[in-house]
Amino acid sequence: MNEADVLEIAQSALWIILKTAGPIMMSGLFVGLIIALFQALTTIQEMTLTFVPKIIVIFIAIVAFLPYMMTTVIEYSHTLFDRIATLG
C-alpha cells in the first residue's frame, strides 16, 4: 500500500462522513434558521427556544435517514474490506 492508496482511502472516508452526517446537519441548520427568523420577526429573544425543536427534528432526521446512513457505511466497509483482502 503506497501513499496514493492511503490518501484515496482517507478521501473516501471523509466523503462518507459528509454523506452520512450531511442530512442530519442540514435539517438542524434549517430548523435553526426558521427559529431564528421567527425570533427576529416576533422579537422573542429566548436563548433556550431553539434547543427543543432542534433536538426533536434531529432525532426525527436520524430515524428517517438511518437506513440510508447504514447502507452507505456498510457499502464503504465492504469496499474497504475487499481492498484489504486483495493486499494480502
N, C-alpha and C. Protein backbone atom coordinates (compact mmCIF):
# COMPACT_ATOMS: atom_id res chain seq x y z
N MET A 1 0.85 -1.17 0.00
CA MET A 1 0.00 0.00 0.00
C MET A 1 0.90 1.23 0.00
N ASN A 2 0.69 2.08 -0.96
CA ASN A 2 1.51 3.28 -1.06
C ASN A 2 0.73 4.51 -0.58
N GLU A 3 1.35 5.65 -0.72
CA GLU A 3 0.74 6.90 -0.22
C GLU A 3 -0.54 7.24 -0.97
N ALA A 4 -0.59 6.95 -2.26
CA ALA A 4 -1.79 7.26 -3.04
C ALA A 4 -2.99 6.44 -2.55
N ASP A 5 -2.76 5.19 -2.18
CA ASP A 5 -3.85 4.36 -1.66
C ASP A 5 -4.36 4.90 -0.33
N VAL A 6 -3.45 5.30 0.53
CA VAL A 6 -3.84 5.84 1.83
C VAL A 6 -4.63 7.13 1.66
N LEU A 7 -4.18 8.00 0.76
CA LEU A 7 -4.90 9.25 0.51
C LEU A 7 -6.28 8.99 -0.09
N GLU A 8 -6.37 8.00 -0.96
CA GLU A 8 -7.67 7.67 -1.56
C GLU A 8 -8.64 7.12 -0.51
N ILE A 9 -8.13 6.28 0.39
CA ILE A 9 -8.98 5.75 1.46
C ILE A 9 -9.42 6.86 2.39
N ALA A 10 -8.51 7.76 2.74
CA ALA A 10 -8.86 8.88 3.61
C ALA A 10 -9.88 9.81 2.95
N GLN A 11 -9.70 10.06 1.67
CA GLN A 11 -10.63 10.91 0.94
C GLN A 11 -12.01 10.28 0.87
N SER A 12 -12.08 9.01 0.60
CA SER A 12 -13.39 8.35 0.54
C SER A 12 -14.02 8.26 1.93
N ALA A 13 -13.22 8.12 2.97
CA ALA A 13 -13.77 8.09 4.33
C ALA A 13 -14.37 9.46 4.69
N LEU A 14 -13.69 10.53 4.34
CA LEU A 14 -14.24 11.86 4.59
C LEU A 14 -15.52 12.09 3.78
N TRP A 15 -15.55 11.59 2.58
CA TRP A 15 -16.76 11.74 1.75
C TRP A 15 -17.93 10.98 2.36
N ILE A 16 -17.67 9.80 2.90
CA ILE A 16 -18.71 9.00 3.56
C ILE A 16 -19.21 9.73 4.81
N ILE A 17 -18.31 10.33 5.55
CA ILE A 17 -18.72 11.10 6.73
C ILE A 17 -19.63 12.24 6.33
N LEU A 18 -19.29 12.95 5.28
CA LEU A 18 -20.14 14.05 4.81
C LEU A 18 -21.49 13.55 4.31
N LYS A 19 -21.49 12.42 3.62
CA LYS A 19 -22.75 11.88 3.10
C LYS A 19 -23.67 11.40 4.22
N THR A 20 -23.11 10.86 5.28
CA THR A 20 -23.95 10.34 6.35
C THR A 20 -24.38 11.42 7.34
N ALA A 21 -23.51 12.37 7.62
CA ALA A 21 -23.85 13.41 8.59
C ALA A 21 -24.55 14.60 7.95
N GLY A 22 -24.42 14.76 6.65
CA GLY A 22 -24.98 15.92 5.96
C GLY A 22 -26.47 16.11 6.12
N PRO A 23 -27.29 15.09 5.88
CA PRO A 23 -28.74 15.30 6.01
C PRO A 23 -29.17 15.70 7.41
N ILE A 24 -28.54 15.14 8.42
CA ILE A 24 -28.90 15.48 9.79
C ILE A 24 -28.48 16.90 10.12
N MET A 25 -27.27 17.26 9.71
CA MET A 25 -26.80 18.62 9.98
C MET A 25 -27.63 19.65 9.22
N MET A 26 -28.02 19.33 8.00
CA MET A 26 -28.83 20.27 7.21
C MET A 26 -30.22 20.45 7.81
N SER A 27 -30.79 19.39 8.35
CA SER A 27 -32.11 19.53 8.97
C SER A 27 -32.01 20.39 10.23
N GLY A 28 -30.96 20.21 11.03
CA GLY A 28 -30.75 21.05 12.20
C GLY A 28 -30.50 22.50 11.82
N LEU A 29 -29.74 22.70 10.75
CA LEU A 29 -29.48 24.05 10.27
C LEU A 29 -30.76 24.72 9.78
N PHE A 30 -31.58 23.98 9.05
CA PHE A 30 -32.82 24.52 8.52
C PHE A 30 -33.78 24.92 9.64
N VAL A 31 -33.91 24.07 10.66
CA VAL A 31 -34.79 24.38 11.78
C VAL A 31 -34.25 25.57 12.56
N GLY A 32 -32.95 25.63 12.75
CA GLY A 32 -32.35 26.77 13.44
C GLY A 32 -32.58 28.07 12.69
N LEU A 33 -32.51 28.01 11.37
CA LEU A 33 -32.76 29.20 10.55
C LEU A 33 -34.21 29.65 10.66
N ILE A 34 -35.13 28.71 10.63
CA ILE A 34 -36.55 29.07 10.76
C ILE A 34 -36.83 29.66 12.14
N ILE A 35 -36.25 29.07 13.17
CA ILE A 35 -36.48 29.60 14.52
C ILE A 35 -35.84 30.97 14.68
N ALA A 36 -34.68 31.17 14.11
CA ALA A 36 -34.04 32.48 14.18
C ALA A 36 -34.87 33.53 13.45
N LEU A 37 -35.43 33.15 12.31
CA LEU A 37 -36.30 34.07 11.58
C LEU A 37 -37.56 34.38 12.39
N PHE A 38 -38.13 33.38 13.03
CA PHE A 38 -39.29 33.59 13.88
C PHE A 38 -38.95 34.51 15.04
N GLN A 39 -37.79 34.31 15.65
CA GLN A 39 -37.38 35.16 16.76
C GLN A 39 -37.14 36.60 16.30
N ALA A 40 -36.59 36.77 15.12
CA ALA A 40 -36.34 38.12 14.62
C ALA A 40 -37.64 38.83 14.28
N LEU A 41 -38.61 38.09 13.76
CA LEU A 41 -39.87 38.72 13.38
C LEU A 41 -40.74 39.05 14.60
N THR A 42 -40.66 38.25 15.64
CA THR A 42 -41.52 38.47 16.80
C THR A 42 -40.79 39.14 17.96
N THR A 43 -39.54 39.42 17.81
CA THR A 43 -38.66 39.99 18.85
C THR A 43 -38.67 39.17 20.14
N ILE A 44 -38.86 37.87 20.02
CA ILE A 44 -38.69 36.96 21.16
C ILE A 44 -37.22 36.55 21.16
N GLN A 45 -36.51 36.94 22.17
CA GLN A 45 -35.08 36.64 22.22
C GLN A 45 -34.77 35.65 23.34
N GLU A 46 -35.45 34.54 23.33
CA GLU A 46 -35.22 33.50 24.32
C GLU A 46 -34.17 32.54 23.78
N MET A 47 -33.08 32.37 24.52
CA MET A 47 -31.97 31.55 24.04
C MET A 47 -32.31 30.06 24.04
N THR A 48 -33.17 29.63 24.95
CA THR A 48 -33.47 28.20 25.04
C THR A 48 -34.56 27.76 24.07
N LEU A 49 -35.14 28.69 23.33
CA LEU A 49 -36.22 28.35 22.41
C LEU A 49 -35.75 27.45 21.26
N THR A 50 -34.50 27.54 20.91
CA THR A 50 -34.01 26.77 19.76
C THR A 50 -33.69 25.32 20.10
N PHE A 51 -33.45 25.01 21.36
CA PHE A 51 -32.95 23.67 21.69
C PHE A 51 -33.97 22.56 21.48
N VAL A 52 -35.16 22.72 22.01
CA VAL A 52 -36.14 21.63 21.94
C VAL A 52 -36.56 21.31 20.51
N PRO A 53 -36.91 22.30 19.67
CA PRO A 53 -37.24 21.95 18.28
C PRO A 53 -36.08 21.32 17.51
N LYS A 54 -34.86 21.80 17.76
CA LYS A 54 -33.71 21.21 17.08
C LYS A 54 -33.50 19.77 17.50
N ILE A 55 -33.63 19.49 18.79
CA ILE A 55 -33.44 18.12 19.27
C ILE A 55 -34.49 17.20 18.67
N ILE A 56 -35.73 17.67 18.62
CA ILE A 56 -36.81 16.84 18.05
C ILE A 56 -36.57 16.59 16.56
N VAL A 57 -36.23 17.63 15.82
CA VAL A 57 -36.02 17.47 14.37
C VAL A 57 -34.80 16.62 14.08
N ILE A 58 -33.73 16.78 14.84
CA ILE A 58 -32.55 15.96 14.63
C ILE A 58 -32.85 14.49 14.96
N PHE A 59 -33.61 14.24 15.99
CA PHE A 59 -33.99 12.86 16.31
C PHE A 59 -34.82 12.25 15.19
N ILE A 60 -35.79 13.01 14.67
CA ILE A 60 -36.61 12.53 13.56
C ILE A 60 -35.76 12.30 12.32
N ALA A 61 -34.79 13.20 12.07
CA ALA A 61 -33.91 13.04 10.91
C ALA A 61 -33.03 11.80 11.06
N ILE A 62 -32.56 11.53 12.26
CA ILE A 62 -31.76 10.32 12.47
C ILE A 62 -32.59 9.08 12.19
N VAL A 63 -33.81 9.06 12.68
CA VAL A 63 -34.68 7.90 12.44
C VAL A 63 -35.00 7.77 10.95
N ALA A 64 -35.25 8.89 10.28
CA ALA A 64 -35.62 8.85 8.86
C ALA A 64 -34.44 8.47 7.97
N PHE A 65 -33.24 8.97 8.28
CA PHE A 65 -32.08 8.74 7.42
C PHE A 65 -31.22 7.55 7.86
N LEU A 66 -31.61 6.86 8.91
CA LEU A 66 -30.80 5.75 9.39
C LEU A 66 -30.61 4.64 8.37
N PRO A 67 -31.64 4.22 7.62
CA PRO A 67 -31.38 3.18 6.60
C PRO A 67 -30.38 3.63 5.53
N TYR A 68 -30.47 4.88 5.10
CA TYR A 68 -29.53 5.41 4.11
C TYR A 68 -28.12 5.45 4.69
N MET A 69 -27.99 5.90 5.92
CA MET A 69 -26.68 6.01 6.54
C MET A 69 -26.06 4.63 6.74
N MET A 70 -26.86 3.67 7.18
CA MET A 70 -26.34 2.31 7.39
C MET A 70 -25.91 1.67 6.07
N THR A 71 -26.72 1.86 5.04
CA THR A 71 -26.36 1.31 3.73
C THR A 71 -25.06 1.91 3.22
N THR A 72 -24.90 3.21 3.37
CA THR A 72 -23.69 3.88 2.91
C THR A 72 -22.46 3.38 3.66
N VAL A 73 -22.55 3.27 4.97
CA VAL A 73 -21.41 2.82 5.76
C VAL A 73 -21.10 1.35 5.49
N ILE A 74 -22.13 0.52 5.32
CA ILE A 74 -21.89 -0.90 5.04
C ILE A 74 -21.24 -1.08 3.67
N GLU A 75 -21.69 -0.34 2.67
CA GLU A 75 -21.06 -0.43 1.35
C GLU A 75 -19.61 0.01 1.40
N TYR A 76 -19.33 1.08 2.13
CA TYR A 76 -17.94 1.53 2.27
C TYR A 76 -17.11 0.48 2.99
N SER A 77 -17.67 -0.13 4.02
CA SER A 77 -16.94 -1.16 4.75
C SER A 77 -16.62 -2.35 3.86
N HIS A 78 -17.59 -2.75 3.03
CA HIS A 78 -17.34 -3.88 2.12
C HIS A 78 -16.23 -3.54 1.13
N THR A 79 -16.26 -2.36 0.56
CA THR A 79 -15.19 -1.99 -0.38
C THR A 79 -13.83 -1.90 0.32
N LEU A 80 -13.84 -1.40 1.55
CA LEU A 80 -12.57 -1.31 2.29
C LEU A 80 -12.05 -2.70 2.65
N PHE A 81 -12.94 -3.59 3.07
CA PHE A 81 -12.51 -4.95 3.39
C PHE A 81 -12.04 -5.69 2.14
N ASP A 82 -12.68 -5.44 1.01
CA ASP A 82 -12.22 -6.06 -0.24
C ASP A 82 -10.82 -5.57 -0.61
N ARG A 83 -10.56 -4.28 -0.39
CA ARG A 83 -9.22 -3.75 -0.66
C ARG A 83 -8.19 -4.40 0.26
N ILE A 84 -8.55 -4.57 1.53
CA ILE A 84 -7.63 -5.19 2.47
C ILE A 84 -7.37 -6.64 2.07
N ALA A 85 -8.42 -7.33 1.62
CA ALA A 85 -8.26 -8.74 1.25
C ALA A 85 -7.38 -8.89 0.01
N THR A 86 -7.42 -7.92 -0.91
CA THR A 86 -6.59 -8.04 -2.10
C THR A 86 -5.13 -7.71 -1.81
N LEU A 87 -4.85 -7.04 -0.71
CA LEU A 87 -3.47 -6.73 -0.37
C LEU A 87 -2.72 -7.96 0.14
N GLY A 88 -3.44 -8.84 0.83
CA GLY A 88 -2.77 -9.97 1.49
C GLY A 88 -2.63 -11.16 0.67
